[in-house]
Amino acid sequence: MTELTISTAKVDSAIKEILTEYAANVQDVVVTQTDKAAKELKTLIQSSAPKRTQKYSRSWRIKLTEDTSFRYSKTVYSNKEYPLTHLLENGHALRRGGRAIGKVKAYKHIAPSFEEIQKSYVKNIQEEIIKLL
């Protein structure tokens, strides 16, 4: 029987190389899934937004918020019609006071879209990381 001897320095470097490669693959998965989720969220918000004029639903954009070795995030936002987001999502009082039934009701379109995408985002990342193993 032949005996195989490996120095601890070689084992350390081999483990370090494997873990570095795994971390890079996980980071790629997170970047890919974040980009995909941001696009899906933008599309979902645009499709469920009130459409009295197309101006509001077309105003949604995606921007890269943070890109470091430990964090990657994108923000989905309304660039020109941002004052309307809170009013449409939560409803508002009339200019003359009070709340008229049915006139300024809340059009929930951001929160439900976010919750739907968030569930699939976490599930997709978990599935992709399991495939790496």
N, C-alpha and C. Protein backbone atom coordinates (compact mmCIF):
# COMPACT_ATOMS: atom_id res chain seq x y z
N MET A 1 0.84 -1.16 0.00
CA MET A 1 0.00 0.00 0.00
C MET A 1 0.90 1.24 0.00
N THR A 2 0.55 2.19 -0.89
CA THR A 2 1.35 3.41 -0.95
C THR A 2 0.78 4.44 0.01
N GLU A 3 1.69 5.21 0.53
CA GLU A 3 1.30 6.21 1.51
C GLU A 3 1.37 7.59 0.87
N LEU A 4 0.35 8.37 1.08
CA LEU A 4 0.29 9.71 0.51
C LEU A 4 0.48 10.73 1.62
N THR A 5 1.48 11.55 1.45
CA THR A 5 1.72 12.58 2.45
C THR A 5 1.53 13.95 1.81
N ILE A 6 0.80 14.78 2.49
CA ILE A 6 0.54 16.14 2.02
C ILE A 6 0.88 17.08 3.17
N SER A 7 1.57 18.14 2.83
CA SER A 7 1.91 19.10 3.88
C SER A 7 0.69 19.94 4.22
N THR A 8 0.69 20.46 5.43
CA THR A 8 -0.46 21.27 5.88
C THR A 8 -0.58 22.55 5.06
N ALA A 9 0.51 23.06 4.56
CA ALA A 9 0.46 24.28 3.75
C ALA A 9 -0.32 24.02 2.46
N LYS A 10 -0.14 22.85 1.86
CA LYS A 10 -0.86 22.51 0.64
C LYS A 10 -2.35 22.31 0.92
N VAL A 11 -2.67 21.68 2.05
CA VAL A 11 -4.07 21.48 2.41
C VAL A 11 -4.74 22.83 2.64
N ASP A 12 -4.05 23.71 3.37
CA ASP A 12 -4.59 25.05 3.62
C ASP A 12 -4.86 25.80 2.32
N SER A 13 -3.91 25.76 1.42
CA SER A 13 -4.09 26.49 0.17
C SER A 13 -5.19 25.86 -0.70
N ALA A 14 -5.31 24.53 -0.66
CA ALA A 14 -6.37 23.87 -1.43
C ALA A 14 -7.75 24.23 -0.89
N ILE A 15 -7.90 24.21 0.43
CA ILE A 15 -9.18 24.57 1.04
C ILE A 15 -9.50 26.03 0.76
N LYS A 16 -8.50 26.87 0.87
CA LYS A 16 -8.70 28.30 0.62
C LYS A 16 -9.14 28.55 -0.82
N GLU A 17 -8.55 27.84 -1.75
CA GLU A 17 -8.90 27.98 -3.17
C GLU A 17 -10.33 27.53 -3.43
N ILE A 18 -10.72 26.40 -2.83
CA ILE A 18 -12.08 25.88 -3.00
C ILE A 18 -13.10 26.86 -2.42
N LEU A 19 -12.84 27.38 -1.23
CA LEU A 19 -13.78 28.31 -0.60
C LEU A 19 -13.85 29.64 -1.35
N THR A 20 -12.75 30.11 -1.89
CA THR A 20 -12.75 31.34 -2.68
C THR A 20 -13.58 31.17 -3.93
N GLU A 21 -13.44 30.03 -4.59
CA GLU A 21 -14.22 29.75 -5.79
C GLU A 21 -15.71 29.64 -5.46
N TYR A 22 -16.04 28.97 -4.35
CA TYR A 22 -17.43 28.84 -3.92
C TYR A 22 -18.03 30.21 -3.62
N ALA A 23 -17.28 31.06 -2.91
CA ALA A 23 -17.77 32.40 -2.57
C ALA A 23 -18.02 33.22 -3.83
N ALA A 24 -17.15 33.10 -4.82
CA ALA A 24 -17.33 33.82 -6.08
C ALA A 24 -18.58 33.32 -6.81
N ASN A 25 -18.81 32.02 -6.78
CA ASN A 25 -20.00 31.45 -7.42
C ASN A 25 -21.27 31.91 -6.72
N VAL A 26 -21.26 31.95 -5.38
CA VAL A 26 -22.42 32.41 -4.63
C VAL A 26 -22.68 33.88 -4.93
N GLN A 27 -21.62 34.67 -5.01
CA GLN A 27 -21.78 36.09 -5.33
C GLN A 27 -22.38 36.27 -6.72
N ASP A 28 -21.97 35.46 -7.68
CA ASP A 28 -22.55 35.52 -9.02
C ASP A 28 -24.04 35.19 -8.99
N VAL A 29 -24.41 34.18 -8.19
CA VAL A 29 -25.82 33.80 -8.07
C VAL A 29 -26.63 34.96 -7.49
N VAL A 30 -26.10 35.59 -6.45
CA VAL A 30 -26.82 36.69 -5.82
C VAL A 30 -26.99 37.86 -6.79
N VAL A 31 -25.93 38.19 -7.52
CA VAL A 31 -26.01 39.29 -8.49
C VAL A 31 -27.04 38.97 -9.57
N THR A 32 -27.00 37.78 -10.11
CA THR A 32 -27.92 37.38 -11.17
C THR A 32 -29.37 37.40 -10.68
N GLN A 33 -29.61 36.82 -9.52
CA GLN A 33 -30.97 36.75 -8.99
C GLN A 33 -31.48 38.14 -8.57
N THR A 34 -30.60 39.00 -8.08
CA THR A 34 -31.01 40.36 -7.71
C THR A 34 -31.40 41.15 -8.95
N ASP A 35 -30.62 41.04 -10.01
CA ASP A 35 -30.96 41.71 -11.27
C ASP A 35 -32.30 41.23 -11.80
N LYS A 36 -32.49 39.92 -11.77
CA LYS A 36 -33.74 39.33 -12.26
C LYS A 36 -34.93 39.77 -11.42
N ALA A 37 -34.77 39.77 -10.09
CA ALA A 37 -35.87 40.17 -9.20
C ALA A 37 -36.21 41.64 -9.37
N ALA A 38 -35.21 42.49 -9.56
CA ALA A 38 -35.46 43.93 -9.75
C ALA A 38 -36.26 44.16 -11.02
N LYS A 39 -35.90 43.48 -12.10
CA LYS A 39 -36.65 43.61 -13.35
C LYS A 39 -38.08 43.12 -13.20
N GLU A 40 -38.25 41.98 -12.53
CA GLU A 40 -39.59 41.44 -12.32
C GLU A 40 -40.43 42.37 -11.45
N LEU A 41 -39.82 42.95 -10.42
CA LEU A 41 -40.55 43.86 -9.54
C LEU A 41 -40.99 45.10 -10.29
N LYS A 42 -40.10 45.66 -11.09
CA LYS A 42 -40.45 46.84 -11.89
C LYS A 42 -41.62 46.53 -12.82
N THR A 43 -41.56 45.40 -13.50
CA THR A 43 -42.63 45.01 -14.42
C THR A 43 -43.95 44.78 -13.68
N LEU A 44 -43.88 44.13 -12.53
CA LEU A 44 -45.08 43.85 -11.75
C LEU A 44 -45.71 45.14 -11.22
N ILE A 45 -44.90 46.06 -10.74
CA ILE A 45 -45.43 47.35 -10.26
C ILE A 45 -46.05 48.12 -11.42
N GLN A 46 -45.38 48.14 -12.55
CA GLN A 46 -45.91 48.85 -13.70
C GLN A 46 -47.25 48.27 -14.16
N SER A 47 -47.36 46.97 -14.12
CA SER A 47 -48.61 46.35 -14.59
C SER A 47 -49.76 46.52 -13.60
N SER A 48 -49.45 46.62 -12.30
CA SER A 48 -50.52 46.74 -11.31
C SER A 48 -50.77 48.19 -10.88
N ALA A 49 -50.01 49.13 -11.39
CA ALA A 49 -50.18 50.54 -11.03
C ALA A 49 -51.46 51.10 -11.66
N PRO A 50 -52.09 52.08 -11.01
CA PRO A 50 -53.26 52.73 -11.61
C PRO A 50 -52.88 53.38 -12.93
N LYS A 51 -53.78 53.34 -13.90
CA LYS A 51 -53.43 53.79 -15.24
C LYS A 51 -54.36 54.89 -15.76
N ARG A 52 -54.63 55.88 -14.93
CA ARG A 52 -55.43 56.99 -15.43
C ARG A 52 -54.67 57.67 -16.57
N THR A 53 -53.41 57.93 -16.32
CA THR A 53 -52.50 58.31 -17.41
C THR A 53 -51.35 57.31 -17.32
N GLN A 54 -50.68 57.07 -18.39
CA GLN A 54 -49.58 56.12 -18.39
C GLN A 54 -48.31 56.70 -17.78
N LYS A 55 -48.36 57.97 -17.44
CA LYS A 55 -47.18 58.68 -16.93
C LYS A 55 -46.61 58.02 -15.67
N TYR A 56 -47.49 57.69 -14.72
CA TYR A 56 -47.04 57.11 -13.46
C TYR A 56 -46.45 55.71 -13.66
N SER A 57 -47.14 54.87 -14.39
CA SER A 57 -46.66 53.50 -14.55
C SER A 57 -45.38 53.43 -15.38
N ARG A 58 -45.18 54.39 -16.26
CA ARG A 58 -43.94 54.41 -17.05
C ARG A 58 -42.77 55.05 -16.32
N SER A 59 -43.00 55.62 -15.14
CA SER A 59 -41.94 56.35 -14.44
C SER A 59 -41.03 55.46 -13.60
N TRP A 60 -41.29 54.17 -13.52
CA TRP A 60 -40.51 53.28 -12.66
C TRP A 60 -39.16 52.94 -13.29
N ARG A 61 -38.12 53.01 -12.46
CA ARG A 61 -36.74 52.77 -12.89
C ARG A 61 -36.04 51.83 -11.90
N ILE A 62 -34.89 51.32 -12.34
CA ILE A 62 -34.04 50.48 -11.49
C ILE A 62 -32.66 51.13 -11.46
N LYS A 63 -32.09 51.22 -10.25
CA LYS A 63 -30.73 51.73 -10.18
C LYS A 63 -29.90 50.84 -9.25
N LEU A 64 -28.63 50.77 -9.54
CA LEU A 64 -27.69 50.02 -8.71
C LEU A 64 -27.39 50.87 -7.48
N THR A 65 -27.74 50.38 -6.31
CA THR A 65 -27.57 51.13 -5.07
C THR A 65 -26.22 50.84 -4.44
N GLU A 66 -25.84 49.59 -4.41
CA GLU A 66 -24.59 49.22 -3.75
C GLU A 66 -23.98 48.00 -4.44
N ASP A 67 -22.66 48.08 -4.68
CA ASP A 67 -21.97 46.97 -5.30
C ASP A 67 -20.58 46.84 -4.68
N THR A 68 -20.51 46.07 -3.61
CA THR A 68 -19.23 45.80 -2.95
C THR A 68 -19.05 44.29 -2.90
N SER A 69 -17.95 43.86 -2.31
CA SER A 69 -17.72 42.41 -2.23
C SER A 69 -18.67 41.74 -1.24
N PHE A 70 -19.30 42.52 -0.35
CA PHE A 70 -20.20 41.95 0.64
C PHE A 70 -21.67 42.29 0.41
N ARG A 71 -21.94 43.30 -0.41
CA ARG A 71 -23.32 43.74 -0.63
C ARG A 71 -23.55 44.04 -2.09
N TYR A 72 -24.74 43.68 -2.55
CA TYR A 72 -25.17 44.03 -3.90
C TYR A 72 -26.65 44.33 -3.81
N SER A 73 -27.03 45.55 -4.13
CA SER A 73 -28.44 45.88 -4.04
C SER A 73 -28.85 46.81 -5.16
N LYS A 74 -30.10 46.67 -5.55
CA LYS A 74 -30.70 47.53 -6.56
C LYS A 74 -31.97 48.12 -5.96
N THR A 75 -32.31 49.31 -6.43
CA THR A 75 -33.50 50.00 -5.95
C THR A 75 -34.46 50.20 -7.11
N VAL A 76 -35.72 49.86 -6.89
CA VAL A 76 -36.77 50.11 -7.87
C VAL A 76 -37.52 51.33 -7.36
N TYR A 77 -37.60 52.37 -8.18
CA TYR A 77 -38.17 53.63 -7.73
C TYR A 77 -38.89 54.34 -8.88
N SER A 78 -39.72 55.30 -8.51
CA SER A 78 -40.40 56.14 -9.49
C SER A 78 -39.61 57.43 -9.60
N ASN A 79 -39.07 57.71 -10.78
CA ASN A 79 -38.15 58.84 -10.88
C ASN A 79 -38.83 60.20 -10.90
N LYS A 80 -39.93 60.38 -11.60
CA LYS A 80 -40.56 61.69 -11.70
C LYS A 80 -41.87 61.78 -10.92
N GLU A 81 -42.51 60.66 -10.73
CA GLU A 81 -43.81 60.66 -10.08
C GLU A 81 -43.72 60.14 -8.64
N TYR A 82 -42.56 60.29 -8.01
CA TYR A 82 -42.38 59.75 -6.67
C TYR A 82 -43.32 60.33 -5.61
N PRO A 83 -43.80 61.59 -5.71
CA PRO A 83 -44.76 62.05 -4.70
C PRO A 83 -46.07 61.27 -4.72
N LEU A 84 -46.40 60.68 -5.85
CA LEU A 84 -47.66 59.93 -5.97
C LEU A 84 -47.59 58.55 -5.33
N THR A 85 -46.41 57.99 -5.18
CA THR A 85 -46.31 56.61 -4.71
C THR A 85 -46.96 56.43 -3.35
N HIS A 86 -46.67 57.31 -2.41
CA HIS A 86 -47.25 57.21 -1.07
C HIS A 86 -48.75 57.47 -1.11
N LEU A 87 -49.16 58.47 -1.87
CA LEU A 87 -50.59 58.82 -1.94
C LEU A 87 -51.41 57.70 -2.57
N LEU A 88 -50.90 57.11 -3.63
CA LEU A 88 -51.64 56.03 -4.28
C LEU A 88 -51.63 54.76 -3.44
N GLU A 89 -50.52 54.47 -2.82
CA GLU A 89 -50.39 53.24 -2.03
C GLU A 89 -51.26 53.29 -0.77
N ASN A 90 -51.35 54.47 -0.14
CA ASN A 90 -52.03 54.57 1.14
C ASN A 90 -53.34 55.35 1.12
N GLY A 91 -53.68 55.96 0.02
CA GLY A 91 -54.87 56.81 -0.04
C GLY A 91 -54.56 58.15 0.61
N HIS A 92 -55.47 59.11 0.47
CA HIS A 92 -55.21 60.43 1.05
C HIS A 92 -56.52 61.18 1.25
N ALA A 93 -56.43 62.24 2.05
CA ALA A 93 -57.59 63.07 2.32
C ALA A 93 -57.85 63.98 1.12
N LEU A 94 -59.08 64.42 0.99
CA LEU A 94 -59.42 65.35 -0.07
C LEU A 94 -58.87 66.74 0.22
N ARG A 95 -58.71 67.52 -0.78
CA ARG A 95 -58.21 68.87 -0.63
C ARG A 95 -59.13 69.70 0.28
N ARG A 96 -60.43 69.47 0.16
CA ARG A 96 -61.38 70.22 0.96
C ARG A 96 -61.61 69.60 2.34
N GLY A 97 -60.91 68.52 2.62
CA GLY A 97 -61.02 67.86 3.92
C GLY A 97 -61.87 66.61 3.83
N GLY A 98 -61.59 65.69 4.69
CA GLY A 98 -62.36 64.45 4.74
C GLY A 98 -61.91 63.45 3.68
N ARG A 99 -62.50 62.29 3.74
CA ARG A 99 -62.19 61.23 2.78
C ARG A 99 -63.48 60.81 2.10
N ALA A 100 -63.53 61.01 0.82
CA ALA A 100 -64.71 60.58 0.07
C ALA A 100 -64.56 59.11 -0.25
N ILE A 101 -65.61 58.36 -0.06
CA ILE A 101 -65.55 56.93 -0.32
C ILE A 101 -65.42 56.71 -1.83
N GLY A 102 -64.40 55.95 -2.19
CA GLY A 102 -64.21 55.60 -3.59
C GLY A 102 -63.48 56.63 -4.43
N LYS A 103 -63.24 57.84 -3.92
CA LYS A 103 -62.58 58.84 -4.75
C LYS A 103 -61.07 58.85 -4.56
N VAL A 104 -60.61 58.73 -3.34
CA VAL A 104 -59.17 58.74 -3.10
C VAL A 104 -58.76 57.51 -2.28
N LYS A 105 -59.29 56.39 -2.65
CA LYS A 105 -58.96 55.16 -1.94
C LYS A 105 -57.52 54.75 -2.25
N ALA A 106 -57.04 53.85 -1.46
CA ALA A 106 -55.68 53.35 -1.64
C ALA A 106 -55.65 52.34 -2.78
N TYR A 107 -54.66 52.46 -3.64
CA TYR A 107 -54.42 51.48 -4.71
C TYR A 107 -53.14 50.73 -4.34
N LYS A 108 -53.31 49.66 -3.59
CA LYS A 108 -52.15 48.87 -3.17
C LYS A 108 -51.54 48.19 -4.39
N HIS A 109 -50.35 48.64 -4.79
CA HIS A 109 -49.69 48.04 -5.94
C HIS A 109 -48.21 47.81 -5.69
N ILE A 110 -47.61 48.52 -4.75
CA ILE A 110 -46.19 48.36 -4.48
C ILE A 110 -45.95 47.23 -3.47
N ALA A 111 -46.60 47.29 -2.33
CA ALA A 111 -46.38 46.29 -1.27
C ALA A 111 -46.72 44.86 -1.72
N PRO A 112 -47.86 44.62 -2.35
CA PRO A 112 -48.13 43.24 -2.79
C PRO A 112 -47.12 42.73 -3.82
N SER A 113 -46.69 43.61 -4.70
CA SER A 113 -45.70 43.23 -5.71
C SER A 113 -44.38 42.88 -5.04
N PHE A 114 -43.97 43.70 -4.06
CA PHE A 114 -42.72 43.46 -3.35
C PHE A 114 -42.76 42.14 -2.60
N GLU A 115 -43.86 41.87 -1.91
CA GLU A 115 -43.97 40.62 -1.14
C GLU A 115 -43.91 39.40 -2.05
N GLU A 116 -44.55 39.48 -3.19
CA GLU A 116 -44.55 38.37 -4.14
C GLU A 116 -43.14 38.09 -4.67
N ILE A 117 -42.45 39.15 -5.06
CA ILE A 117 -41.09 38.99 -5.60
C ILE A 117 -40.13 38.55 -4.52
N GLN A 118 -40.29 39.05 -3.31
CA GLN A 118 -39.38 38.71 -2.22
C GLN A 118 -39.39 37.21 -1.94
N LYS A 119 -40.56 36.59 -1.94
CA LYS A 119 -40.66 35.15 -1.70
C LYS A 119 -39.93 34.36 -2.77
N SER A 120 -40.17 34.72 -4.03
CA SER A 120 -39.53 33.98 -5.11
C SER A 120 -38.02 34.26 -5.16
N TYR A 121 -37.61 35.47 -4.77
CA TYR A 121 -36.19 35.85 -4.76
C TYR A 121 -35.41 34.96 -3.79
N VAL A 122 -35.89 34.83 -2.58
CA VAL A 122 -35.21 34.00 -1.58
C VAL A 122 -35.19 32.54 -2.02
N LYS A 123 -36.31 32.06 -2.53
CA LYS A 123 -36.40 30.66 -2.97
C LYS A 123 -35.43 30.39 -4.13
N ASN A 124 -35.36 31.30 -5.09
CA ASN A 124 -34.46 31.12 -6.24
C ASN A 124 -33.00 31.12 -5.82
N ILE A 125 -32.63 32.00 -4.89
CA ILE A 125 -31.23 32.03 -4.43
C ILE A 125 -30.90 30.72 -3.72
N GLN A 126 -31.79 30.25 -2.87
CA GLN A 126 -31.55 28.98 -2.16
C GLN A 126 -31.37 27.83 -3.14
N GLU A 127 -32.23 27.76 -4.14
CA GLU A 127 -32.14 26.68 -5.13
C GLU A 127 -30.83 26.74 -5.91
N GLU A 128 -30.42 27.94 -6.31
CA GLU A 128 -29.18 28.09 -7.08
C GLU A 128 -27.95 27.74 -6.23
N ILE A 129 -27.95 28.10 -4.96
CA ILE A 129 -26.81 27.78 -4.08
C ILE A 129 -26.75 26.28 -3.82
N ILE A 130 -27.89 25.64 -3.68
CA ILE A 130 -27.90 24.18 -3.51
C ILE A 130 -27.33 23.49 -4.73
N LYS A 131 -27.59 24.03 -5.92
CA LYS A 131 -27.04 23.45 -7.16
C LYS A 131 -25.51 23.54 -7.19
N LEU A 132 -24.95 24.55 -6.51
CA LEU A 132 -23.50 24.72 -6.49
C LEU A 132 -22.81 23.64 -5.66
N LEU A 133 -23.52 23.09 -4.71
CA LEU A 133 -22.90 22.10 -3.81
C LEU A 133 -22.69 20.79 -4.45
